[in-house]
PDB file of N, CA and C in Angstrom:
ATOM      1  N   MET A   1       0.850  -1.178   0.000  1.00  0.00           N
ATOM      2  CA  MET A   1       0.000   0.000   0.000  1.00  0.00           C
ATOM      3  C   MET A   1       0.894   1.238   0.000  1.00  0.00           C
ATOM      4  N   VAL A   2       0.552   2.207  -0.812  1.00  0.00           N
ATOM      5  CA  VAL A   2       1.306   3.457  -0.879  1.00  0.00           C
ATOM      6  C   VAL A   2       0.945   4.295   0.335  1.00  0.00           C
ATOM      7  N   ARG A   3       1.945   4.776   1.044  1.00  0.00           N
ATOM      8  CA  ARG A   3       1.709   5.604   2.231  1.00  0.00           C
ATOM      9  C   ARG A   3       1.514   7.059   1.836  1.00  0.00           C
ATOM     10  N   SER A   4       0.825   7.806   2.690  1.00  0.00           N
ATOM     11  CA  SER A   4       0.499   9.213   2.457  1.00  0.00           C
ATOM     12  C   SER A   4       1.738  10.086   2.511  1.00  0.00           C
ATOM     13  N   GLN A   5       1.683  11.202   1.821  1.00  0.00           N
ATOM     14  CA  GLN A   5       2.725  12.208   1.902  1.00  0.00           C
ATOM     15  C   GLN A   5       2.474  13.077   3.123  1.00  0.00           C
ATOM     16  N   VAL A   6       3.413  13.961   3.453  1.00  0.00           N
ATOM     17  CA  VAL A   6       3.267  14.794   4.636  1.00  0.00           C
ATOM     18  C   VAL A   6       2.016  15.659   4.563  1.00  0.00           C
ATOM     19  N   TRP A   7       1.791  16.347   3.468  1.00  0.00           N
ATOM     20  CA  TRP A   7       0.582  17.145   3.289  1.00  0.00           C
ATOM     21  C   TRP A   7      -0.120  16.648   2.048  1.00  0.00           C
ATOM     22  N   HIS A   8      -1.412  16.728   2.057  1.00  0.00           N
ATOM     23  CA  HIS A   8      -2.192  16.193   0.954  1.00  0.00           C
ATOM     24  C   HIS A   8      -2.982  17.304   0.289  1.00  0.00           C
ATOM     25  N   SER A   9      -3.400  17.042  -0.899  1.00  0.00           N
ATOM     26  CA  SER A   9      -4.302  17.946  -1.593  1.00  0.00           C
ATOM     27  C   SER A   9      -5.445  17.112  -2.138  1.00  0.00           C
ATOM     28  N   SER A  10      -6.332  17.752  -2.816  1.00  0.00           N
ATOM     29  CA  SER A  10      -7.465  17.024  -3.365  1.00  0.00           C
ATOM     30  C   SER A  10      -7.096  16.319  -4.661  1.00  0.00           C
ATOM     31  N   GLY A  11      -5.813  16.095  -4.888  1.00  0.00           N
ATOM     32  CA  GLY A  11      -5.343  15.433  -6.094  1.00  0.00           C
ATOM     33  C   GLY A  11      -5.732  13.961  -6.137  1.00  0.00           C
ATOM     34  N   MET A  12      -4.777  13.127  -6.396  1.00  0.00           N
ATOM     35  CA  MET A  12      -5.023  11.705  -6.587  1.00  0.00           C
ATOM     36  C   MET A  12      -5.453  11.040  -5.281  1.00  0.00           C
ATOM     37  N   PRO A  13      -6.541  10.275  -5.334  1.00  0.00           N
ATOM     38  CA  PRO A  13      -6.944   9.544  -4.135  1.00  0.00           C
ATOM     39  C   PRO A  13      -6.069   8.306  -3.946  1.00  0.00           C
ATOM     40  N   GLU A  14      -6.047   7.800  -2.732  1.00  0.00           N
ATOM     41  CA  GLU A  14      -5.436   6.499  -2.480  1.00  0.00           C
ATOM     42  C   GLU A  14      -6.555   5.480  -2.597  1.00  0.00           C
ATOM     43  N   LEU A  15      -6.287   4.393  -3.302  1.00  0.00           N
ATOM     44  CA  LEU A  15      -7.323   3.416  -3.613  1.00  0.00           C
ATOM     45  C   LEU A  15      -7.043   2.083  -2.941  1.00  0.00           C
ATOM     46  N   LEU A  16      -8.111   1.377  -2.645  1.00  0.00           N
ATOM     47  CA  LEU A  16      -8.027   0.042  -2.061  1.00  0.00           C
ATOM     48  C   LEU A  16      -9.130  -0.804  -2.664  1.00  0.00           C
ATOM     49  N   GLU A  17      -8.777  -2.007  -3.099  1.00  0.00           N
ATOM     50  CA  GLU A  17      -9.789  -2.960  -3.536  1.00  0.00           C
ATOM     51  C   GLU A  17      -9.959  -3.974  -2.427  1.00  0.00           C
ATOM     52  N   HIS A  18     -11.199  -4.212  -2.036  1.00  0.00           N
ATOM     53  CA  HIS A  18     -11.492  -5.167  -0.966  1.00  0.00           C
ATOM     54  C   HIS A  18     -12.755  -5.932  -1.342  1.00  0.00           C
ATOM     55  N   ALA A  19     -12.642  -7.242  -1.422  1.00  0.00           N
ATOM     56  CA  ALA A  19     -13.782  -8.121  -1.706  1.00  0.00           C
ATOM     57  C   ALA A  19     -14.526  -7.686  -2.980  1.00  0.00           C
ATOM     58  N   GLY A  20     -13.751  -7.279  -3.993  1.00  0.00           N
ATOM     59  CA  GLY A  20     -14.346  -6.921  -5.271  1.00  0.00           C
ATOM     60  C   GLY A  20     -14.902  -5.507  -5.358  1.00  0.00           C
ATOM     61  N   ARG A  21     -14.816  -4.735  -4.279  1.00  0.00           N
ATOM     62  CA  ARG A  21     -15.277  -3.338  -4.296  1.00  0.00           C
ATOM     63  C   ARG A  21     -14.057  -2.436  -4.176  1.00  0.00           C
ATOM     64  N   HIS A  22     -14.193  -1.231  -4.691  1.00  0.00           N
ATOM     65  CA  HIS A  22     -13.104  -0.264  -4.658  1.00  0.00           C
ATOM     66  C   HIS A  22     -13.474   0.877  -3.720  1.00  0.00           C
ATOM     67  N   TYR A  23     -12.489   1.305  -2.927  1.00  0.00           N
ATOM     68  CA  TYR A  23     -12.671   2.402  -1.981  1.00  0.00           C
ATOM     69  C   TYR A  23     -11.575   3.435  -2.214  1.00  0.00           C
ATOM     70  N   ALA A  24     -11.849   4.662  -1.829  1.00  0.00           N
ATOM     71  CA  ALA A  24     -10.876   5.743  -1.999  1.00  0.00           C
ATOM     72  C   ALA A  24     -10.781   6.566  -0.723  1.00  0.00           C
ATOM     73  N   VAL A  25      -9.577   6.983  -0.413  1.00  0.00           N
ATOM     74  CA  VAL A  25      -9.331   7.976   0.641  1.00  0.00           C
ATOM     75  C   VAL A  25      -8.748   9.179  -0.067  1.00  0.00           C
ATOM     76  N   GLN A  26      -9.319  10.324   0.215  1.00  0.00           N
ATOM     77  CA  GLN A  26      -8.853  11.560  -0.398  1.00  0.00           C
ATOM     78  C   GLN A  26      -8.716  12.615   0.689  1.00  0.00           C
ATOM     79  N   PHE A  27      -7.724  13.477   0.534  1.00  0.00           N
ATOM     80  CA  PHE A  27      -7.426  14.540   1.496  1.00  0.00           C
ATOM     81  C   PHE A  27      -7.647  15.896   0.843  1.00  0.00           C
ATOM     82  N   HIS A  28      -8.189  16.820   1.591  1.00  0.00           N
ATOM     83  CA  HIS A  28      -8.231  18.211   1.144  1.00  0.00           C
ATOM     84  C   HIS A  28      -8.336  19.095   2.373  1.00  0.00           C
ATOM     85  N   TYR A  29      -8.009  20.366   2.188  1.00  0.00           N
ATOM     86  CA  TYR A  29      -8.083  21.293   3.310  1.00  0.00           C
ATOM     87  C   TYR A  29      -9.459  21.940   3.318  1.00  0.00           C
ATOM     88  N   ALA A  30     -10.142  21.837   4.463  1.00  0.00           N
ATOM     89  CA  ALA A  30     -11.473  22.430   4.638  1.00  0.00           C
ATOM     90  C   ALA A  30     -11.275  23.787   5.319  1.00  0.00           C
ATOM     91  N   LEU A  31     -11.148  24.827   4.518  1.00  0.00           N
ATOM     92  CA  LEU A  31     -10.848  26.164   5.021  1.00  0.00           C
ATOM     93  C   LEU A  31     -11.829  26.656   6.087  1.00  0.00           C
ATOM     94  N   PRO A  32     -13.137  26.497   5.910  1.00  0.00           N
ATOM     95  CA  PRO A  32     -14.058  26.995   6.943  1.00  0.00           C
ATOM     96  C   PRO A  32     -13.855  26.318   8.302  1.00  0.00           C
ATOM     97  N   ASP A  33     -13.332  25.091   8.285  1.00  0.00           N
ATOM     98  CA  ASP A  33     -13.128  24.346   9.534  1.00  0.00           C
ATOM     99  C   ASP A  33     -11.696  24.464  10.059  1.00  0.00           C
ATOM    100  N   ASP A  34     -10.809  25.128   9.312  1.00  0.00           N
ATOM    101  CA  ASP A  34      -9.379  25.160   9.656  1.00  0.00           C
ATOM    102  C   ASP A  34      -8.892  23.758   9.994  1.00  0.00           C
ATOM    103  N   ALA A  35      -9.189  22.834   9.074  1.00  0.00           N
ATOM    104  CA  ALA A  35      -8.866  21.433   9.327  1.00  0.00           C
ATOM    105  C   ALA A  35      -8.636  20.698   8.011  1.00  0.00           C
ATOM    106  N   TRP A  36      -7.866  19.629   8.109  1.00  0.00           N
ATOM    107  CA  TRP A  36      -7.724  18.707   6.994  1.00  0.00           C
ATOM    108  C   TRP A  36      -8.916  17.776   7.007  1.00  0.00           C
ATOM    109  N   ALA A  37      -9.501  17.539   5.855  1.00  0.00           N
ATOM    110  CA  ALA A  37     -10.598  16.590   5.716  1.00  0.00           C
ATOM    111  C   ALA A  37     -10.029  15.327   5.075  1.00  0.00           C
ATOM    112  N   VAL A  38     -10.271  14.205   5.728  1.00  0.00           N
ATOM    113  CA  VAL A  38      -9.873  12.908   5.210  1.00  0.00           C
ATOM    114  C   VAL A  38     -11.178  12.193   4.870  1.00  0.00           C
ATOM    115  N   GLU A  39     -11.389  11.923   3.580  1.00  0.00           N
ATOM    116  CA  GLU A  39     -12.677  11.414   3.118  1.00  0.00           C
ATOM    117  C   GLU A  39     -12.577   9.956   2.673  1.00  0.00           C
ATOM    118  N   LEU A  40     -13.583   9.170   3.055  1.00  0.00           N
ATOM    119  CA  LEU A  40     -13.706   7.798   2.583  1.00  0.00           C
ATOM    120  C   LEU A  40     -14.912   7.717   1.669  1.00  0.00           C
ATOM    121  N   SER A  41     -14.705   7.106   0.501  1.00  0.00           N
ATOM    122  CA  SER A  41     -15.805   6.922  -0.443  1.00  0.00           C
ATOM    123  C   SER A  41     -15.615   5.596  -1.158  1.00  0.00           C
ATOM    124  N   GLU A  42     -16.681   5.161  -1.817  1.00  0.00           N
ATOM    125  CA  GLU A  42     -16.514   4.064  -2.756  1.00  0.00           C
ATOM    126  C   GLU A  42     -15.924   4.685  -4.010  1.00  0.00           C
ATOM    127  N   ALA A  43     -14.928   4.026  -4.560  1.00  0.00           N
ATOM    128  CA  ALA A  43     -14.312   4.533  -5.782  1.00  0.00           C
ATOM    129  C   ALA A  43     -15.181   4.146  -6.972  1.00  0.00           C
ATOM    130  N   VAL A  44     -15.235   5.036  -7.923  1.00  0.00           N
ATOM    131  CA  VAL A  44     -16.038   4.801  -9.125  1.00  0.00           C
ATOM    132  C   VAL A  44     -15.100   4.699 -10.322  1.00  0.00           C
ATOM    133  N   PRO A  45     -15.483   3.914 -11.323  1.00  0.00           N
ATOM    134  CA  PRO A  45     -14.618   3.777 -12.507  1.00  0.00           C
ATOM    135  C   PRO A  45     -14.424   5.112 -13.224  1.00  0.00           C
ATOM    136  N   VAL A  46     -13.220   5.316 -13.708  1.00  0.00           N
ATOM    137  CA  VAL A  46     -12.921   6.487 -14.528  1.00  0.00           C
ATOM    138  C   VAL A  46     -13.478   6.213 -15.923  1.00  0.00           C
ATOM    139  N   PRO A  47     -14.251   7.130 -16.469  1.00  0.00           N
ATOM    140  CA  PRO A  47     -14.752   6.917 -17.835  1.00  0.00           C
ATOM    141  C   PRO A  47     -13.593   6.747 -18.820  1.00  0.00           C
ATOM    142  N   VAL A  48     -13.754   5.848 -19.767  1.00  0.00           N
ATOM    143  CA  VAL A  48     -12.695   5.551 -20.739  1.00  0.00           C
ATOM    144  C   VAL A  48     -12.226   6.817 -21.435  1.00  0.00           C
ATOM    145  N   GLU A  49     -13.136   7.712 -21.782  1.00  0.00           N
ATOM    146  CA  GLU A  49     -12.729   8.938 -22.479  1.00  0.00           C
ATOM    147  C   GLU A  49     -11.900   9.870 -21.593  1.00  0.00           C
ATOM    148  N   ASP A  50     -11.906   9.644 -20.260  1.00  0.00           N
ATOM    149  CA  ASP A  50     -11.113  10.473 -19.343  1.00  0.00           C
ATOM    150  C   ASP A  50      -9.758   9.854 -19.029  1.00  0.00           C
ATOM    151  N   GLY A  51      -9.389   8.803 -19.721  1.00  0.00           N
ATOM    152  CA  GLY A  51      -8.034   8.285 -19.555  1.00  0.00           C
ATOM    153  C   GLY A  51      -7.916   6.946 -18.881  1.00  0.00           C
ATOM    154  N   ALA A  52      -9.001   6.242 -18.645  1.00  0.00           N
ATOM    155  CA  ALA A  52      -8.878   4.913 -18.063  1.00  0.00           C
ATOM    156  C   ALA A  52      -8.258   3.989 -19.094  1.00  0.00           C
ATOM    157  N   GLY A  53      -7.540   3.025 -18.626  1.00  0.00           N
ATOM    158  CA  GLY A  53      -6.930   2.066 -19.531  1.00  0.00           C
ATOM    159  C   GLY A  53      -5.608   1.598 -18.970  1.00  0.00           C
ATOM    160  N   PRO A  54      -4.896   0.758 -19.701  1.00  0.00           N
ATOM    161  CA  PRO A  54      -3.616   0.235 -19.208  1.00  0.00           C
ATOM    162  C   PRO A  54      -2.660   1.367 -18.832  1.00  0.00           C
ATOM    163  N   GLY A  55      -2.101   1.276 -17.639  1.00  0.00           N
ATOM    164  CA  GLY A  55      -1.146   2.275 -17.176  1.00  0.00           C
ATOM    165  C   GLY A  55      -1.766   3.558 -16.661  1.00  0.00           C
ATOM    166  N   HIS A  56      -3.086   3.641 -16.648  1.00  0.00           N
ATOM    167  CA  HIS A  56      -3.762   4.835 -16.178  1.00  0.00           C
ATOM    168  C   HIS A  56      -4.638   4.513 -14.974  1.00  0.00           C
ATOM    169  N   LEU A  57      -5.039   5.537 -14.278  1.00  0.00           N
ATOM    170  CA  LEU A  57      -5.942   5.396 -13.149  1.00  0.00           C
ATOM    171  C   LEU A  57      -7.258   4.802 -13.641  1.00  0.00           C
ATOM    172  N   THR A  58      -7.732   3.763 -12.978  1.00  0.00           N
ATOM    173  CA  THR A  58      -8.978   3.119 -13.393  1.00  0.00           C
ATOM    174  C   THR A  58     -10.167   3.534 -12.539  1.00  0.00           C
ATOM    175  N   HIS A  59      -9.901   4.061 -11.338  1.00  0.00           N
ATOM    176  CA  HIS A  59     -10.970   4.479 -10.427  1.00  0.00           C
ATOM    177  C   HIS A  59     -10.635   5.836  -9.840  1.00  0.00           C
ATOM    178  N   MET A  60     -11.674   6.549  -9.439  1.00  0.00           N
ATOM    179  CA  MET A  60     -11.495   7.842  -8.778  1.00  0.00           C
ATOM    180  C   MET A  60     -12.443   7.891  -7.581  1.00  0.00           C
ATOM    181  N   ALA A  61     -12.196   8.822  -6.691  1.00  0.00           N
ATOM    182  CA  ALA A  61     -13.016   8.945  -5.499  1.00  0.00           C
ATOM    183  C   ALA A  61     -14.451   9.281  -5.886  1.00  0.00           C
ATOM    184  N   GLY A  62     -15.383   8.628  -5.226  1.00  0.00           N
ATOM    185  CA  GLY A  62     -16.794   8.938  -5.399  1.00  0.00           C
ATOM    186  C   GLY A  62     -17.228   9.935  -4.328  1.00  0.00           C
ATOM    187  N   ARG A  63     -18.502   9.978  -4.062  1.00  0.00           N
ATOM    188  CA  ARG A  63     -19.044  10.880  -3.049  1.00  0.00           C
ATOM    189  C   ARG A  63     -18.685  10.344  -1.658  1.00  0.00           C
ATOM    190  N   ALA A  64     -18.058  11.192  -0.846  1.00  0.00           N
ATOM    191  CA  ALA A  64     -17.608  10.785   0.490  1.00  0.00           C
ATOM    192  C   ALA A  64     -18.798  10.469   1.385  1.00  0.00           C
ATOM    193  N   PHE A  65     -18.680   9.367   2.131  1.00  0.00           N
ATOM    194  CA  PHE A  65     -19.723   9.044   3.101  1.00  0.00           C
ATOM    195  C   PHE A  65     -19.212   9.045   4.529  1.00  0.00           C
ATOM    196  N   ILE A  66     -17.893   9.075   4.717  1.00  0.00           N
ATOM    197  CA  ILE A  66     -17.304   9.294   6.035  1.00  0.00           C
ATOM    198  C   ILE A  66     -16.201  10.331   5.855  1.00  0.00           C
ATOM    199  N   VAL A  67     -16.222  11.369   6.698  1.00  0.00           N
ATOM    200  CA  VAL A  67     -15.209  12.419   6.623  1.00  0.00           C
ATOM    201  C   VAL A  67     -14.675  12.678   8.027  1.00  0.00           C
ATOM    202  N   ALA A  68     -13.354  12.601   8.165  1.00  0.00           N
ATOM    203  CA  ALA A  68     -12.698  12.957   9.421  1.00  0.00           C
ATOM    204  C   ALA A  68     -12.110  14.350   9.240  1.00  0.00           C
ATOM    205  N   PHE A  69     -12.367  15.227  10.208  1.00  0.00           N
ATOM    206  CA  PHE A  69     -11.791  16.565  10.203  1.00  0.00           C
ATOM    207  C   PHE A  69     -10.689  16.610  11.238  1.00  0.00           C
ATOM    208  N   VAL A  70      -9.490  16.996  10.794  1.00  0.00           N
ATOM    209  CA  VAL A  70      -8.307  17.039  11.653  1.00  0.00           C
ATOM    210  C   VAL A  70      -7.848  18.484  11.740  1.00  0.00           C
ATOM    211  N   PRO A  71      -8.168  19.172  12.859  1.00  0.00           N
ATOM    212  CA  PRO A  71      -7.779  20.582  13.004  1.00  0.00           C
ATOM    213  C   PRO A  71      -6.260  20.743  13.007  1.00  0.00           C
ATOM    214  N   ASP A  72      -5.795  21.806  12.361  1.00  0.00           N
ATOM    215  CA  ASP A  72      -4.357  22.055  12.340  1.00  0.00           C
ATOM    216  C   ASP A  72      -4.007  23.469  12.786  1.00  0.00           C
ATOM    217  N   GLU A  73      -4.981  24.208  13.291  1.00  0.00           N
ATOM    218  CA  GLU A  73      -4.736  25.577  13.740  1.00  0.00           C
ATOM    219  C   GLU A  73      -4.832  25.717  15.261  1.00  0.00           C
ATOM    220  N   ASP A  74      -5.737  24.986  15.884  1.00  0.00           N
ATOM    221  CA  ASP A  74      -6.006  25.112  17.316  1.00  0.00           C
ATOM    222  C   ASP A  74      -5.755  23.771  18.001  1.00  0.00           C
ATOM    223  N   PRO A  75      -4.705  23.687  18.830  1.00  0.00           N
ATOM    224  CA  PRO A  75      -4.384  22.408  19.472  1.00  0.00           C
ATOM    225  C   PRO A  75      -5.456  21.934  20.458  1.00  0.00           C
ATOM    226  N   ALA A  76      -6.364  22.807  20.854  1.00  0.00           N
ATOM    227  CA  ALA A  76      -7.424  22.416  21.789  1.00  0.00           C
ATOM    228  C   ALA A  76      -8.568  21.679  21.091  1.00  0.00           C
ATOM    229  N   LEU A  77      -8.646  21.794  19.769  1.00  0.00           N
ATOM    230  CA  LEU A  77      -9.733  21.137  19.038  1.00  0.00           C
ATOM    231  C   LEU A  77      -9.388  19.672  18.776  1.00  0.00           C
ATOM    232  N   GLU A  78     -10.373  18.815  18.983  1.00  0.00           N
ATOM    233  CA  GLU A  78     -10.206  17.383  18.749  1.00  0.00           C
ATOM    234  C   GLU A  78     -10.599  17.022  17.316  1.00  0.00           C
ATOM    235  N   PRO A  79      -9.933  16.038  16.733  1.00  0.00           N
ATOM    236  CA  PRO A  79     -10.400  15.522  15.449  1.00  0.00           C
ATOM    237  C   PRO A  79     -11.805  14.922  15.620  1.00  0.00           C
ATOM    238  N   THR A  80     -12.601  14.980  14.578  1.00  0.00           N
ATOM    239  CA  THR A  80     -13.955  14.435  14.626  1.00  0.00           C
ATOM    240  C   THR A  80     -14.208  13.619  13.359  1.00  0.00           C
ATOM    241  N   VAL A  81     -15.144  12.695  13.452  1.00  0.00           N
ATOM    242  CA  VAL A  81     -15.543  11.878  12.302  1.00  0.00           C
ATOM    243  C   VAL A  81     -17.021  12.135  12.052  1.00  0.00           C
ATOM    244  N   HIS A  82     -17.346  12.438  10.811  1.00  0.00           N
ATOM    245  CA  HIS A  82     -18.723  12.747  10.420  1.00  0.00           C
ATOM    246  C   HIS A  82     -19.201  11.696   9.421  1.00  0.00           C
ATOM    247  N   ILE A  83     -20.429  11.249   9.594  1.00  0.00           N
ATOM    248  CA  ILE A  83     -21.044  10.300   8.672  1.00  0.00           C
ATOM    249  C   ILE A  83     -21.974  11.099   7.767  1.00  0.00           C
ATOM    250  N   HIS A  84     -21.724  11.046   6.470  1.00  0.00           N
ATOM    251  CA  HIS A  84     -22.529  11.772   5.480  1.00  0.00           C
ATOM    252  C   HIS A  84     -23.154  10.753   4.539  1.00  0.00           C
ATOM    253  N   SER A  85     -24.375  10.375   4.811  1.00  0.00           N
ATOM    254  CA  SER A  85     -24.973   9.368   3.948  1.00  0.00           C
ATOM    255  C   SER A  85     -26.485   9.383   4.066  1.00  0.00           C
ATOM    256  N   HIS A  86     -27.123   9.400   2.926  1.00  0.00           N
ATOM    257  CA  HIS A  86     -28.570   9.239   2.899  1.00  0.00           C
ATOM    258  C   HIS A  86     -28.910   7.774   2.661  1.00  0.00           C
ATOM    259  N   ASP A  87     -27.940   7.030   2.165  1.00  0.00           N
ATOM    260  CA  ASP A  87     -28.094   5.605   1.924  1.00  0.00           C
ATOM    261  C   ASP A  87     -27.343   4.847   3.007  1.00  0.00           C
ATOM    262  N   GLU A  88     -27.692   3.593   3.165  1.00  0.00           N
ATOM    263  CA  GLU A  88     -26.954   2.757   4.095  1.00  0.00           C
ATOM    264  C   GLU A  88     -25.670   2.291   3.424  1.00  0.00           C
ATOM    265  N   HIS A  89     -24.550   2.449   4.114  1.00  0.00           N
ATOM    266  CA  HIS A  89     -23.266   1.964   3.625  1.00  0.00           C
ATOM    267  C   HIS A  89     -22.738   0.944   4.615  1.00  0.00           C
ATOM    268  N   VAL A  90     -22.346  -0.197   4.122  1.00  0.00           N
ATOM    269  CA  VAL A  90     -21.688  -1.197   4.936  1.00  0.00           C
ATOM    270  C   VAL A  90     -20.205  -1.067   4.655  1.00  0.00           C
ATOM    271  N   VAL A  91     -19.437  -0.784   5.703  1.00  0.00           N
ATOM    272  CA  VAL A  91     -17.998  -0.599   5.542  1.00  0.00           C
ATOM    273  C   VAL A  91     -17.303  -1.789   6.192  1.00  0.00           C
ATOM    274  N   PRO A  92     -16.615  -2.607   5.406  1.00  0.00           N
ATOM    275  CA  PRO A  92     -15.893  -3.739   5.979  1.00  0.00           C
ATOM    276  C   PRO A  92     -14.849  -3.264   7.002  1.00  0.00           C
ATOM    277  N   TYR A  93     -14.623  -4.085   7.980  1.00  0.00           N
ATOM    278  CA  TYR A  93     -13.683  -3.765   9.058  1.00  0.00           C
ATOM    279  C   TYR A  93     -12.305  -3.377   8.511  1.00  0.00           C
ATOM    280  N   ASP A  94     -11.766  -4.164   7.574  1.00  0.00           N
ATOM    281  CA  ASP A  94     -10.432  -3.859   7.036  1.00  0.00           C
ATOM    282  C   ASP A  94     -10.399  -2.518   6.313  1.00  0.00           C
ATOM    283  N   VAL A  95     -11.487  -2.149   5.656  1.00  0.00           N
ATOM    284  CA  VAL A  95     -11.559  -0.860   4.974  1.00  0.00           C
ATOM    285  C   VAL A  95     -11.597   0.271   6.008  1.00  0.00           C
ATOM    286  N   MET A  96     -12.372   0.080   7.080  1.00  0.00           N
ATOM    287  CA  MET A  96     -12.436   1.108   8.131  1.00  0.00           C
ATOM    288  C   MET A  96     -11.081   1.262   8.817  1.00  0.00           C
ATOM    289  N   ARG A  97     -10.383   0.165   9.037  1.00  0.00           N
ATOM    290  CA  ARG A  97      -9.033   0.249   9.625  1.00  0.00           C
ATOM    291  C   ARG A  97      -8.097   1.019   8.697  1.00  0.00           C
ATOM    292  N   TRP A  98      -8.168   0.730   7.401  1.00  0.00           N
ATOM    293  CA  TRP A  98      -7.331   1.421   6.413  1.00  0.00           C
ATOM    294  C   TRP A  98      -7.615   2.922   6.445  1.00  0.00           C
ATOM    295  N   PHE A  99      -8.889   3.295   6.465  1.00  0.00           N
ATOM    296  CA  PHE A  99      -9.279   4.703   6.543  1.00  0.00           C
ATOM    297  C   PHE A  99      -8.759   5.337   7.839  1.00  0.00           C
ATOM    298  N   MET A 100      -8.972   4.666   8.965  1.00  0.00           N
ATOM    299  CA  MET A 100      -8.554   5.238  10.250  1.00  0.00           C
ATOM    300  C   MET A 100      -7.034   5.325  10.379  1.00  0.00           C
ATOM    301  N   GLU A 101      -6.297   4.457   9.694  1.00  0.00           N
ATOM    302  CA  GLU A 101      -4.830   4.600   9.667  1.00  0.00           C
ATOM    303  C   GLU A 101      -4.453   5.913   8.998  1.00  0.00           C
ATOM    304  N   HIS A 102      -5.128   6.269   7.913  1.00  0.00           N
ATOM    305  CA  HIS A 102      -4.880   7.545   7.242  1.00  0.00           C
ATOM    306  C   HIS A 102      -5.242   8.713   8.161  1.00  0.00           C
ATOM    307  N   VAL A 103      -6.357   8.595   8.857  1.00  0.00           N
ATOM    308  CA  VAL A 103      -6.772   9.653   9.790  1.00  0.00           C
ATOM    309  C   VAL A 103      -5.729   9.792  10.895  1.00  0.00           C
ATOM    310  N   THR A 104      -5.304   8.672  11.456  1.00  0.00           N
ATOM    311  CA  THR A 104      -4.312   8.695  12.542  1.00  0.00           C
ATOM    312  C   THR A 104      -3.012   9.344  12.082  1.00  0.00           C
ATOM    313  N   GLU A 105      -2.549   9.002  10.876  1.00  0.00           N
ATOM    314  CA  GLU A 105      -1.329   9.613  10.348  1.00  0.00           C
ATOM    315  C   GLU A 105      -1.492  11.120  10.194  1.00  0.00           C
ATOM    316  N   GLN A 106      -2.663  11.566   9.739  1.00  0.00           N
ATOM    317  CA  GLN A 106      -2.901  13.005   9.565  1.00  0.00           C
ATOM    318  C   GLN A 106      -2.943  13.706  10.921  1.00  0.00           C
ATOM    319  N   VAL A 107      -3.576  13.082  11.926  1.00  0.00           N
ATOM    320  CA  VAL A 107      -3.606  13.650  13.279  1.00  0.00           C
ATOM    321  C   VAL A 107      -2.182  13.805  13.795  1.00  0.00           C
ATOM    322  N   GLU A 108      -1.369  12.772  13.639  1.00  0.00           N
ATOM    323  CA  GLU A 108       0.019  12.831  14.112  1.00  0.00           C
ATOM    324  C   GLU A 108       0.804  13.926  13.412  1.00  0.00           C
ATOM    325  N   ARG A 109       0.621  14.076  12.091  1.00  0.00           N
ATOM    326  CA  ARG A 109       1.325  15.129  11.349  1.00  0.00           C
ATOM    327  C   ARG A 109       0.911  16.512  11.835  1.00  0.00           C
ATOM    328  N   CYS A 110      -0.386  16.715  12.001  1.00  0.00           N
ATOM    329  CA  CYS A 110      -0.868  18.033  12.426  1.00  0.00           C
ATOM    330  C   CYS A 110      -0.403  18.359  13.839  1.00  0.00           C
ATOM    331  N   ARG A 111      -0.449  17.384  14.733  1.00  0.00           N
ATOM    332  CA  ARG A 111       0.005  17.621  16.108  1.00  0.00           C
ATOM    333  C   ARG A 111       1.503  17.884  16.158  1.00  0.00           C
ATOM    334  N   ALA A 112       2.267  17.184  15.341  1.00  0.00           N
ATOM    335  CA  ALA A 112       3.714  17.425  15.297  1.00  0.00           C
ATOM    336  C   ALA A 112       4.002  18.824  14.771  1.00  0.00           C
ATOM    337  N   ALA A 113       3.263  19.249  13.752  1.00  0.00           N
ATOM    338  CA  ALA A 113       3.461  20.595  13.203  1.00  0.00           C
ATOM    339  C   ALA A 113       3.090  21.657  14.232  1.00  0.00           C
ATOM    340  N   LEU A 114       1.999  21.437  14.964  1.00  0.00           N
ATOM    341  CA  LEU A 114       1.610  22.386  16.009  1.00  0.00           C
ATOM    342  C   LEU A 114       2.649  22.445  17.107  1.00  0.00           C
ATOM    343  N   ALA A 115       3.195  21.294  17.478  1.00  0.00           N
ATOM    344  CA  ALA A 115       4.223  21.249  18.515  1.00  0.00           C
ATOM    345  C   ALA A 115       5.470  21.996  18.065  1.00  0.00           C
ATOM    346  N   MET A 116       5.854  21.837  16.790  1.00  0.00           N
ATOM    347  CA  MET A 116       7.025  22.542  16.262  1.00  0.00           C
ATOM    348  C   MET A 116       6.779  24.046  16.241  1.00  0.00           C
ATOM    349  N   GLU A 117       5.560  24.461  15.857  1.00  0.00           N
ATOM    350  CA  GLU A 117       5.232  25.895  15.862  1.00  0.00           C
ATOM    351  C   GLU A 117       5.265  26.434  17.284  1.00  0.00           C
ATOM    352  N   GLY A 118       4.746  25.656  18.239  1.00  0.00           N
ATOM    353  CA  GLY A 118       4.732  26.085  19.635  1.00  0.00           C
ATOM    354  C   GLY A 118       6.136  26.207  20.189  1.00  0.00           C
ATOM    355  N   ALA A 119       7.026  25.261  19.831  1.00  0.00           N
ATOM    356  CA  ALA A 119       8.407  25.316  20.303  1.00  0.00           C
ATOM    357  C   ALA A 119       9.123  26.510  19.700  1.00  0.00           C
ATOM    358  N   GLY A 120       8.813  26.849  18.481  1.00  0.00           N
ATOM    359  CA  GLY A 120       9.450  27.993  17.816  1.00  0.00           C
ATOM    360  C   GLY A 120       8.994  29.314  18.384  1.00  0.00           C
ATOM    361  N   SER A 121       7.786  29.388  18.921  1.00  0.00           N
ATOM    362  CA  SER A 121       7.278  30.656  19.446  1.00  0.00           C
ATOM    363  C   SER A 121       7.766  30.923  20.863  1.00  0.00           C
ATOM    364  N   ASP A 122       8.392  29.906  21.523  1.00  0.00           N
ATOM    365  CA  ASP A 122       8.892  30.105  22.880  1.00  0.00           C
ATOM    366  C   ASP A 122      10.240  30.809  22.906  1.00  0.00           C
ATOM    367  N   GLU A 123      10.854  30.937  21.749  1.00  0.00           N
ATOM    368  CA  GLU A 123      12.202  31.522  21.700  1.00  0.00           C
ATOM    369  C   GLU A 123      12.154  33.020  21.785  1.00  0.00           C
TER     370      GLU A 123
END
């Protein structure tokens, strides 16, 4: 599995195939929340005319149904997980663990960055 970079954008999602279904984790900055959003969705096939095929991305992130918000401005704010779904979604345990590993890594990165900023302001 490809591991996340230090900071993410809404660019390429990370994909996982599990039991014949495809899932995507995508990162973007949610400016109104001053937080990184880590989104879990079912991945959808890329239309052939958009570049799907050998050597190209075959799936892209669909509509997010679980979003974790990881604050990076205020150390007093806790990360939160939001369920966004009008339909019932069954999320396999291994997929939820994969998603939460990404959330945990983002929490650790943001807390480390806040700690470094705090240490720099004490000088």
